[in-house]
Amino acid sequence: MASDELAKKLQSRLATTQETEPRPEPEHSPVRPKPQEADGACGDSSSELSAILTRRQDINEGNAAPRLTRVFNPYTEFKEFSRKQIKDMEMMFKR
């Protein structure tokens, strides 16, 4: 049950960070945007992966600036869990 809740929260946060990410304008960018294809059979995960890979390629070519890294603090991110529960989950996943 907790893993389902975590997955939903992480998906929503991933979606919001991708929406707010600034994109270079096509007229100033030497990289041409690829036409969007319908992902009927592939689903949402392949489009997410292709967006991530495209972003990585742009960063490697110098066409896009890398995002600033954020420090992840699980105690402030998941207020619905106690510190003891979070520590138990961390120990469970570290094994």
PDB file of N, CA and C in Angstrom:
ATOM      1  N   MET A   1       0.813  -1.181   0.000  1.00  0.00           N
ATOM      2  CA  MET A   1       0.000   0.000   0.000  1.00  0.00           C
ATOM      3  C   MET A   1       0.862   1.252   0.000  1.00  0.00           C
ATOM      4  N   ALA A   2       1.907   1.260   0.806  1.00  0.00           N
ATOM      5  CA  ALA A   2       2.787   2.427   0.871  1.00  0.00           C
ATOM      6  C   ALA A   2       3.542   2.601  -0.440  1.00  0.00           C
ATOM      7  N   SER A   3       3.911   1.502  -1.082  1.00  0.00           N
ATOM      8  CA  SER A   3       4.644   1.616  -2.343  1.00  0.00           C
ATOM      9  C   SER A   3       3.767   2.218  -3.432  1.00  0.00           C
ATOM     10  N   ASP A   4       2.465   1.913  -3.422  1.00  0.00           N
ATOM     11  CA  ASP A   4       1.555   2.518  -4.395  1.00  0.00           C
ATOM     12  C   ASP A   4       1.452   4.029  -4.183  1.00  0.00           C
ATOM     13  N   GLU A   5       1.357   4.434  -2.923  1.00  0.00           N
ATOM     14  CA  GLU A   5       1.273   5.859  -2.610  1.00  0.00           C
ATOM     15  C   GLU A   5       2.546   6.579  -3.008  1.00  0.00           C
ATOM     16  N   LEU A   6       3.706   5.953  -2.720  1.00  0.00           N
ATOM     17  CA  LEU A   6       4.975   6.552  -3.087  1.00  0.00           C
ATOM     18  C   LEU A   6       5.102   6.675  -4.599  1.00  0.00           C
ATOM     19  N   ALA A   7       4.687   5.653  -5.317  1.00  0.00           N
ATOM     20  CA  ALA A   7       4.771   5.682  -6.775  1.00  0.00           C
ATOM     21  C   ALA A   7       3.906   6.802  -7.346  1.00  0.00           C
ATOM     22  N   LYS A   8       2.713   6.977  -6.814  1.00  0.00           N
ATOM     23  CA  LYS A   8       1.830   8.050  -7.295  1.00  0.00           C
ATOM     24  C   LYS A   8       2.442   9.422  -7.037  1.00  0.00           C
ATOM     25  N   LYS A   9       3.004   9.618  -5.842  1.00  0.00           N
ATOM     26  CA  LYS A   9       3.597  10.905  -5.507  1.00  0.00           C
ATOM     27  C   LYS A   9       4.811  11.197  -6.373  1.00  0.00           C
ATOM     28  N   LEU A  10       5.643  10.186  -6.575  1.00  0.00           N
ATOM     29  CA  LEU A  10       6.837  10.397  -7.388  1.00  0.00           C
ATOM     30  C   LEU A  10       6.468  10.671  -8.840  1.00  0.00           C
ATOM     31  N   GLN A  11       5.456   9.994  -9.360  1.00  0.00           N
ATOM     32  CA  GLN A  11       5.005  10.241 -10.730  1.00  0.00           C
ATOM     33  C   GLN A  11       4.486  11.659 -10.883  1.00  0.00           C
ATOM     34  N   SER A  12       3.713  12.128  -9.910  1.00  0.00           N
ATOM     35  CA  SER A  12       3.180  13.489 -10.009  1.00  0.00           C
ATOM     36  C   SER A  12       4.296  14.513  -9.918  1.00  0.00           C
ATOM     37  N   ARG A  13       5.292  14.279  -9.077  1.00  0.00           N
ATOM     38  CA  ARG A  13       6.411  15.219  -8.970  1.00  0.00           C
ATOM     39  C   ARG A  13       7.251  15.207 -10.229  1.00  0.00           C
ATOM     40  N   LEU A  14       7.443  14.041 -10.826  1.00  0.00           N
ATOM     41  CA  LEU A  14       8.182  13.948 -12.071  1.00  0.00           C
ATOM     42  C   LEU A  14       7.462  14.705 -13.172  1.00  0.00           C
ATOM     43  N   ALA A  15       6.155  14.574 -13.218  1.00  0.00           N
ATOM     44  CA  ALA A  15       5.371  15.275 -14.236  1.00  0.00           C
ATOM     45  C   ALA A  15       5.461  16.784 -14.050  1.00  0.00           C
ATOM     46  N   THR A  16       5.430  17.261 -12.811  1.00  0.00           N
ATOM     47  CA  THR A  16       5.499  18.709 -12.586  1.00  0.00           C
ATOM     48  C   THR A  16       6.877  19.261 -12.901  1.00  0.00           C
ATOM     49  N   THR A  17       7.938  18.503 -12.633  1.00  0.00           N
ATOM     50  CA  THR A  17       9.274  19.002 -12.951  1.00  0.00           C
ATOM     51  C   THR A  17       9.509  19.024 -14.448  1.00  0.00           C
ATOM     52  N   GLN A  18       8.939  18.100 -15.188  1.00  0.00           N
ATOM     53  CA  GLN A  18       9.102  18.104 -16.635  1.00  0.00           C
ATOM     54  C   GLN A  18       8.291  19.214 -17.274  1.00  0.00           C
ATOM     55  N   GLU A  19       7.147  19.570 -16.692  1.00  0.00           N
ATOM     56  CA  GLU A  19       6.328  20.645 -17.245  1.00  0.00           C
ATOM     57  C   GLU A  19       6.978  22.003 -17.034  1.00  0.00           C
ATOM     58  N   THR A  20       7.641  22.206 -15.897  1.00  0.00           N
ATOM     59  CA  THR A  20       8.227  23.506 -15.597  1.00  0.00           C
ATOM     60  C   THR A  20       9.619  23.671 -16.176  1.00  0.00           C
ATOM     61  N   GLU A  21      10.171  22.646 -16.775  1.00  0.00           N
ATOM     62  CA  GLU A  21      11.516  22.706 -17.328  1.00  0.00           C
ATOM     63  C   GLU A  21      11.533  23.607 -18.569  1.00  0.00           C
ATOM     64  N   PRO A  22      12.385  24.636 -18.594  1.00  0.00           N
ATOM     65  CA  PRO A  22      12.416  25.515 -19.765  1.00  0.00           C
ATOM     66  C   PRO A  22      13.044  24.822 -20.965  1.00  0.00           C
ATOM     67  N   ARG A  23      12.455  25.009 -22.102  1.00  0.00           N
ATOM     68  CA  ARG A  23      12.943  24.438 -23.351  1.00  0.00           C
ATOM     69  C   ARG A  23      13.511  25.556 -24.208  1.00  0.00           C
ATOM     70  N   PRO A  24      14.615  25.289 -24.938  1.00  0.00           N
ATOM     71  CA  PRO A  24      15.128  26.315 -25.842  1.00  0.00           C
ATOM     72  C   PRO A  24      14.167  26.518 -27.002  1.00  0.00           C
ATOM     73  N   GLU A  25      14.123  27.761 -27.483  1.00  0.00           N
ATOM     74  CA  GLU A  25      13.239  28.060 -28.592  1.00  0.00           C
ATOM     75  C   GLU A  25      13.795  27.440 -29.865  1.00  0.00           C
ATOM     76  N   PRO A  26      12.920  26.924 -30.755  1.00  0.00           N
ATOM     77  CA  PRO A  26      13.394  26.234 -31.948  1.00  0.00           C
ATOM     78  C   PRO A  26      14.225  27.112 -32.875  1.00  0.00           C
ATOM     79  N   GLU A  27      13.936  28.417 -32.955  1.00  0.00           N
ATOM     80  CA  GLU A  27      14.668  29.255 -33.885  1.00  0.00           C
ATOM     81  C   GLU A  27      16.087  29.533 -33.412  1.00  0.00           C
ATOM     82  N   HIS A  28      16.348  29.455 -32.096  1.00  0.00           N
ATOM     83  CA  HIS A  28      17.678  29.696 -31.565  1.00  0.00           C
ATOM     84  C   HIS A  28      18.482  28.413 -31.393  1.00  0.00           C
ATOM     85  N   SER A  29      17.840  27.292 -31.393  1.00  0.00           N
ATOM     86  CA  SER A  29      18.500  26.019 -31.142  1.00  0.00           C
ATOM     87  C   SER A  29      18.919  25.370 -32.461  1.00  0.00           C
ATOM     88  N   PRO A  30      20.183  24.885 -32.553  1.00  0.00           N
ATOM     89  CA  PRO A  30      20.600  24.205 -33.778  1.00  0.00           C
ATOM     90  C   PRO A  30      20.009  22.802 -33.907  1.00  0.00           C
ATOM     91  N   VAL A  31      19.458  22.278 -32.825  1.00  0.00           N
ATOM     92  CA  VAL A  31      18.861  20.946 -32.861  1.00  0.00           C
ATOM     93  C   VAL A  31      17.406  21.072 -33.280  1.00  0.00           C
ATOM     94  N   ARG A  32      17.014  20.325 -34.267  1.00  0.00           N
ATOM     95  CA  ARG A  32      15.629  20.359 -34.724  1.00  0.00           C
ATOM     96  C   ARG A  32      14.784  19.432 -33.861  1.00  0.00           C
ATOM     97  N   PRO A  33      13.610  19.891 -33.435  1.00  0.00           N
ATOM     98  CA  PRO A  33      12.747  19.010 -32.651  1.00  0.00           C
ATOM     99  C   PRO A  33      12.173  17.905 -33.527  1.00  0.00           C
ATOM    100  N   LYS A  34      12.103  16.738 -32.931  1.00  0.00           N
ATOM    101  CA  LYS A  34      11.549  15.592 -33.649  1.00  0.00           C
ATOM    102  C   LYS A  34      10.031  15.650 -33.606  1.00  0.00           C
ATOM    103  N   PRO A  35       9.368  15.247 -34.681  1.00  0.00           N
ATOM    104  CA  PRO A  35       7.906  15.251 -34.643  1.00  0.00           C
ATOM    105  C   PRO A  35       7.389  14.234 -33.639  1.00  0.00           C
ATOM    106  N   GLN A  36       6.318  14.603 -32.961  1.00  0.00           N
ATOM    107  CA  GLN A  36       5.719  13.724 -31.971  1.00  0.00           C
ATOM    108  C   GLN A  36       4.988  12.584 -32.663  1.00  0.00           C
ATOM    109  N   GLU A  37       5.267  11.372 -32.238  1.00  0.00           N
ATOM    110  CA  GLU A  37       4.608  10.197 -32.787  1.00  0.00           C
ATOM    111  C   GLU A  37       3.592   9.685 -31.780  1.00  0.00           C
ATOM    112  N   ALA A  38       2.574   9.058 -32.282  1.00  0.00           N
ATOM    113  CA  ALA A  38       1.564   8.483 -31.405  1.00  0.00           C
ATOM    114  C   ALA A  38       2.121   7.219 -30.765  1.00  0.00           C
ATOM    115  N   ASP A  39       2.099   7.170 -29.447  1.00  0.00           N
ATOM    116  CA  ASP A  39       2.592   6.010 -28.707  1.00  0.00           C
ATOM    117  C   ASP A  39       1.420   5.136 -28.313  1.00  0.00           C
ATOM    118  N   GLY A  40       0.800   4.511 -29.249  1.00  0.00           N
ATOM    119  CA  GLY A  40      -0.372   3.703 -28.960  1.00  0.00           C
ATOM    120  C   GLY A  40      -0.038   2.461 -28.158  1.00  0.00           C
ATOM    121  N   ALA A  41       0.952   1.691 -28.613  1.00  0.00           N
ATOM    122  CA  ALA A  41       1.258   0.432 -27.955  1.00  0.00           C
ATOM    123  C   ALA A  41       2.325   0.597 -26.885  1.00  0.00           C
ATOM    124  N   CYS A  42       3.163   1.616 -26.985  1.00  0.00           N
ATOM    125  CA  CYS A  42       4.288   1.757 -26.071  1.00  0.00           C
ATOM    126  C   CYS A  42       3.877   2.290 -24.706  1.00  0.00           C
ATOM    127  N   GLY A  43       2.939   3.165 -24.666  1.00  0.00           N
ATOM    128  CA  GLY A  43       2.494   3.688 -23.390  1.00  0.00           C
ATOM    129  C   GLY A  43       3.262   4.926 -22.991  1.00  0.00           C
ATOM    130  N   ASP A  44       3.133   5.302 -21.735  1.00  0.00           N
ATOM    131  CA  ASP A  44       3.693   6.547 -21.230  1.00  0.00           C
ATOM    132  C   ASP A  44       5.174   6.427 -20.894  1.00  0.00           C
ATOM    133  N   SER A  45       5.643   5.241 -20.530  1.00  0.00           N
ATOM    134  CA  SER A  45       7.022   5.086 -20.080  1.00  0.00           C
ATOM    135  C   SER A  45       8.025   5.323 -21.199  1.00  0.00           C
ATOM    136  N   SER A  46       7.720   4.927 -22.423  1.00  0.00           N
ATOM    137  CA  SER A  46       8.674   5.133 -23.512  1.00  0.00           C
ATOM    138  C   SER A  46       8.797   6.610 -23.855  1.00  0.00           C
ATOM    139  N   SER A  47       7.715   7.366 -23.756  1.00  0.00           N
ATOM    140  CA  SER A  47       7.806   8.800 -24.019  1.00  0.00           C
ATOM    141  C   SER A  47       8.610   9.499 -22.927  1.00  0.00           C
ATOM    142  N   GLU A  48       8.476   9.046 -21.687  1.00  0.00           N
ATOM    143  CA  GLU A  48       9.271   9.615 -20.597  1.00  0.00           C
ATOM    144  C   GLU A  48      10.748   9.329 -20.811  1.00  0.00           C
ATOM    145  N   LEU A  49      11.062   8.088 -21.188  1.00  0.00           N
ATOM    146  CA  LEU A  49      12.455   7.731 -21.430  1.00  0.00           C
ATOM    147  C   LEU A  49      13.041   8.504 -22.593  1.00  0.00           C
ATOM    148  N   SER A  50      12.276   8.656 -23.667  1.00  0.00           N
ATOM    149  CA  SER A  50      12.793   9.391 -24.814  1.00  0.00           C
ATOM    150  C   SER A  50      13.007  10.862 -24.467  1.00  0.00           C
ATOM    151  N   ALA A  51      12.141  11.432 -23.636  1.00  0.00           N
ATOM    152  CA  ALA A  51      12.324  12.819 -23.206  1.00  0.00           C
ATOM    153  C   ALA A  51      13.593  12.963 -22.361  1.00  0.00           C
ATOM    154  N   ILE A  52      13.835  12.003 -21.491  1.00  0.00           N
ATOM    155  CA  ILE A  52      15.033  12.038 -20.654  1.00  0.00           C
ATOM    156  C   ILE A  52      16.279  11.887 -21.508  1.00  0.00           C
ATOM    157  N   LEU A  53      16.260  10.943 -22.457  1.00  0.00           N
ATOM    158  CA  LEU A  53      17.420  10.732 -23.321  1.00  0.00           C
ATOM    159  C   LEU A  53      17.678  11.939 -24.217  1.00  0.00           C
ATOM    160  N   THR A  54      16.628  12.548 -24.727  1.00  0.00           N
ATOM    161  CA  THR A  54      16.786  13.739 -25.556  1.00  0.00           C
ATOM    162  C   THR A  54      17.414  14.862 -24.740  1.00  0.00           C
ATOM    163  N   ARG A  55      16.962  15.024 -23.515  1.00  0.00           N
ATOM    164  CA  ARG A  55      17.526  16.050 -22.627  1.00  0.00           C
ATOM    165  C   ARG A  55      19.001  15.776 -22.374  1.00  0.00           C
ATOM    166  N   ARG A  56      19.364  14.521 -22.119  1.00  0.00           N
ATOM    167  CA  ARG A  56      20.771  14.157 -21.885  1.00  0.00           C
ATOM    168  C   ARG A  56      21.632  14.454 -23.109  1.00  0.00           C
ATOM    169  N   GLN A  57      21.119  14.151 -24.295  1.00  0.00           N
ATOM    170  CA  GLN A  57      21.873  14.419 -25.524  1.00  0.00           C
ATOM    171  C   GLN A  57      22.073  15.919 -25.712  1.00  0.00           C
ATOM    172  N   ASP A  58      21.056  16.711 -25.431  1.00  0.00           N
ATOM    173  CA  ASP A  58      21.178  18.164 -25.535  1.00  0.00           C
ATOM    174  C   ASP A  58      22.227  18.703 -24.562  1.00  0.00           C
ATOM    175  N   ILE A  59      22.254  18.163 -23.363  1.00  0.00           N
ATOM    176  CA  ILE A  59      23.244  18.590 -22.373  1.00  0.00           C
ATOM    177  C   ILE A  59      24.642  18.213 -22.838  1.00  0.00           C
ATOM    178  N   ASN A  60      24.819  16.995 -23.354  1.00  0.00           N
ATOM    179  CA  ASN A  60      26.131  16.549 -23.815  1.00  0.00           C
ATOM    180  C   ASN A  60      26.620  17.358 -25.004  1.00  0.00           C
ATOM    181  N   GLU A  61      25.713  17.804 -25.872  1.00  0.00           N
ATOM    182  CA  GLU A  61      26.091  18.601 -27.040  1.00  0.00           C
ATOM    183  C   GLU A  61      26.267  20.068 -26.697  1.00  0.00           C
ATOM    184  N   GLY A  62      25.871  20.468 -25.513  1.00  0.00           N
ATOM    185  CA  GLY A  62      26.014  21.848 -25.091  1.00  0.00           C
ATOM    186  C   GLY A  62      24.854  22.734 -25.478  1.00  0.00           C
ATOM    187  N   ASN A  63      23.741  22.155 -25.905  1.00  0.00           N
ATOM    188  CA  ASN A  63      22.581  22.937 -26.319  1.00  0.00           C
ATOM    189  C   ASN A  63      21.643  23.271 -25.171  1.00  0.00           C
ATOM    190  N   ALA A  64      21.803  22.596 -24.050  1.00  0.00           N
ATOM    191  CA  ALA A  64      20.925  22.839 -22.904  1.00  0.00           C
ATOM    192  C   ALA A  64      21.769  22.845 -21.638  1.00  0.00           C
ATOM    193  N   ALA A  65      21.349  23.620 -20.688  1.00  0.00           N
ATOM    194  CA  ALA A  65      22.055  23.686 -19.409  1.00  0.00           C
ATOM    195  C   ALA A  65      21.546  22.587 -18.489  1.00  0.00           C
ATOM    196  N   PRO A  66      22.439  21.934 -17.750  1.00  0.00           N
ATOM    197  CA  PRO A  66      21.968  20.915 -16.802  1.00  0.00           C
ATOM    198  C   PRO A  66      21.196  21.556 -15.666  1.00  0.00           C
ATOM    199  N   ARG A  67      20.251  20.811 -15.138  1.00  0.00           N
ATOM    200  CA  ARG A  67      19.454  21.291 -14.008  1.00  0.00           C
ATOM    201  C   ARG A  67      20.291  21.272 -12.739  1.00  0.00           C
ATOM    202  N   LEU A  68      19.987  22.184 -11.848  1.00  0.00           N
ATOM    203  CA  LEU A  68      20.653  22.190 -10.561  1.00  0.00           C
ATOM    204  C   LEU A  68      20.148  21.010  -9.740  1.00  0.00           C
ATOM    205  N   THR A  69      21.041  20.365  -9.033  1.00  0.00           N
ATOM    206  CA  THR A  69      20.639  19.224  -8.226  1.00  0.00           C
ATOM    207  C   THR A  69      20.033  19.708  -6.916  1.00  0.00           C
ATOM    208  N   ARG A  70      19.056  18.984  -6.470  1.00  0.00           N
ATOM    209  CA  ARG A  70      18.403  19.295  -5.202  1.00  0.00           C
ATOM    210  C   ARG A  70      18.755  18.214  -4.193  1.00  0.00           C
ATOM    211  N   VAL A  71      18.849  18.614  -2.962  1.00  0.00           N
ATOM    212  CA  VAL A  71      19.089  17.658  -1.885  1.00  0.00           C
ATOM    213  C   VAL A  71      17.746  17.033  -1.520  1.00  0.00           C
ATOM    214  N   PHE A  72      17.733  15.705  -1.483  1.00  0.00           N
ATOM    215  CA  PHE A  72      16.505  14.989  -1.163  1.00  0.00           C
ATOM    216  C   PHE A  72      16.505  14.641   0.320  1.00  0.00           C
ATOM    217  N   ASN A  73      15.524  15.134   1.037  1.00  0.00           N
ATOM    218  CA  ASN A  73      15.361  14.834   2.451  1.00  0.00           C
ATOM    219  C   ASN A  73      14.046  14.069   2.609  1.00  0.00           C
ATOM    220  N   PRO A  74      14.116  12.757   2.870  1.00  0.00           N
ATOM    221  CA  PRO A  74      12.884  11.969   2.951  1.00  0.00           C
ATOM    222  C   PRO A  74      11.984  12.366   4.121  1.00  0.00           C
ATOM    223  N   TYR A  75      12.563  12.935   5.164  1.00  0.00           N
ATOM    224  CA  TYR A  75      11.758  13.293   6.331  1.00  0.00           C
ATOM    225  C   TYR A  75      10.825  14.470   6.027  1.00  0.00           C
ATOM    226  N   THR A  76      11.272  15.403   5.186  1.00  0.00           N
ATOM    227  CA  THR A  76      10.421  16.526   4.837  1.00  0.00           C
ATOM    228  C   THR A  76       9.550  16.230   3.622  1.00  0.00           C
ATOM    229  N   GLU A  77       9.994  15.308   2.768  1.00  0.00           N
ATOM    230  CA  GLU A  77       9.228  14.976   1.568  1.00  0.00           C
ATOM    231  C   GLU A  77       8.001  14.117   1.885  1.00  0.00           C
ATOM    232  N   PHE A  78       8.162  13.178   2.803  1.00  0.00           N
ATOM    233  CA  PHE A  78       7.083  12.241   3.125  1.00  0.00           C
ATOM    234  C   PHE A  78       6.668  12.448   4.578  1.00  0.00           C
ATOM    235  N   LYS A  79       5.848  13.439   4.793  1.00  0.00           N
ATOM    236  CA  LYS A  79       5.429  13.779   6.157  1.00  0.00           C
ATOM    237  C   LYS A  79       4.425  12.789   6.727  1.00  0.00           C
ATOM    238  N   GLU A  80       3.853  11.958   5.866  1.00  0.00           N
ATOM    239  CA  GLU A  80       2.872  10.991   6.345  1.00  0.00           C
ATOM    240  C   GLU A  80       3.513   9.796   7.055  1.00  0.00           C
ATOM    241  N   PHE A  81       4.851   9.644   6.901  1.00  0.00           N
ATOM    242  CA  PHE A  81       5.562   8.561   7.564  1.00  0.00           C
ATOM    243  C   PHE A  81       6.363   9.130   8.729  1.00  0.00           C
ATOM    244  N   SER A  82       6.486   8.346   9.785  1.00  0.00           N
ATOM    245  CA  SER A  82       7.301   8.785  10.917  1.00  0.00           C
ATOM    246  C   SER A  82       8.772   8.546  10.589  1.00  0.00           C
ATOM    247  N   ARG A  83       9.643   9.140  11.377  1.00  0.00           N
ATOM    248  CA  ARG A  83      11.085   8.958  11.153  1.00  0.00           C
ATOM    249  C   ARG A  83      11.484   7.492  11.319  1.00  0.00           C
ATOM    250  N   LYS A  84      10.861   6.831  12.260  1.00  0.00           N
ATOM    251  CA  LYS A  84      11.159   5.417  12.490  1.00  0.00           C
ATOM    252  C   LYS A  84      10.757   4.580  11.274  1.00  0.00           C
ATOM    253  N   GLN A  85       9.600   4.873  10.696  1.00  0.00           N
ATOM    254  CA  GLN A  85       9.159   4.130   9.515  1.00  0.00           C
ATOM    255  C   GLN A  85      10.106   4.365   8.339  1.00  0.00           C
ATOM    256  N   ILE A  86      10.549   5.600   8.162  1.00  0.00           N
ATOM    257  CA  ILE A  86      11.463   5.905   7.066  1.00  0.00           C
ATOM    258  C   ILE A  86      12.798   5.207   7.274  1.00  0.00           C
ATOM    259  N   LYS A  87      13.297   5.207   8.494  1.00  0.00           N
ATOM    260  CA  LYS A  87      14.557   4.511   8.779  1.00  0.00           C
ATOM    261  C   LYS A  87      14.423   3.014   8.535  1.00  0.00           C
ATOM    262  N   ASP A  88      13.282   2.425   8.917  1.00  0.00           N
ATOM    263  CA  ASP A  88      13.051   1.004   8.673  1.00  0.00           C
ATOM    264  C   ASP A  88      13.011   0.701   7.178  1.00  0.00           C
ATOM    265  N   MET A  89      12.368   1.587   6.406  1.00  0.00           N
ATOM    266  CA  MET A  89      12.319   1.389   4.951  1.00  0.00           C
ATOM    267  C   MET A  89      13.703   1.513   4.321  1.00  0.00           C
ATOM    268  N   GLU A  90      14.502   2.483   4.793  1.00  0.00           N
ATOM    269  CA  GLU A  90      15.858   2.637   4.279  1.00  0.00           C
ATOM    270  C   GLU A  90      16.695   1.390   4.568  1.00  0.00           C
ATOM    271  N   MET A  91      16.571   0.847   5.780  1.00  0.00           N
ATOM    272  CA  MET A  91      17.322  -0.366   6.118  1.00  0.00           C
ATOM    273  C   MET A  91      16.875  -1.552   5.275  1.00  0.00           C
ATOM    274  N   MET A  92      15.577  -1.623   5.012  1.00  0.00           N
ATOM    275  CA  MET A  92      15.044  -2.722   4.215  1.00  0.00           C
ATOM    276  C   MET A  92      15.585  -2.661   2.786  1.00  0.00           C
ATOM    277  N   PHE A  93      15.699  -1.465   2.209  1.00  0.00           N
ATOM    278  CA  PHE A  93      16.161  -1.340   0.836  1.00  0.00           C
ATOM    279  C   PHE A  93      17.667  -1.390   0.712  1.00  0.00           C
ATOM    280  N   LYS A  94      18.397  -1.105   1.786  1.00  0.00           N
ATOM    281  CA  LYS A  94      19.853  -1.160   1.736  1.00  0.00           C
ATOM    282  C   LYS A  94      20.396  -2.580   1.795  1.00  0.00           C
ATOM    283  N   ARG A  95      19.589  -3.503   2.271  1.00  0.00           N
ATOM    284  CA  ARG A  95      20.044  -4.896   2.401  1.00  0.00           C
ATOM    285  C   ARG A  95      20.198  -5.559   1.087  1.00  0.00           C
TER     286      ARG A  95
END
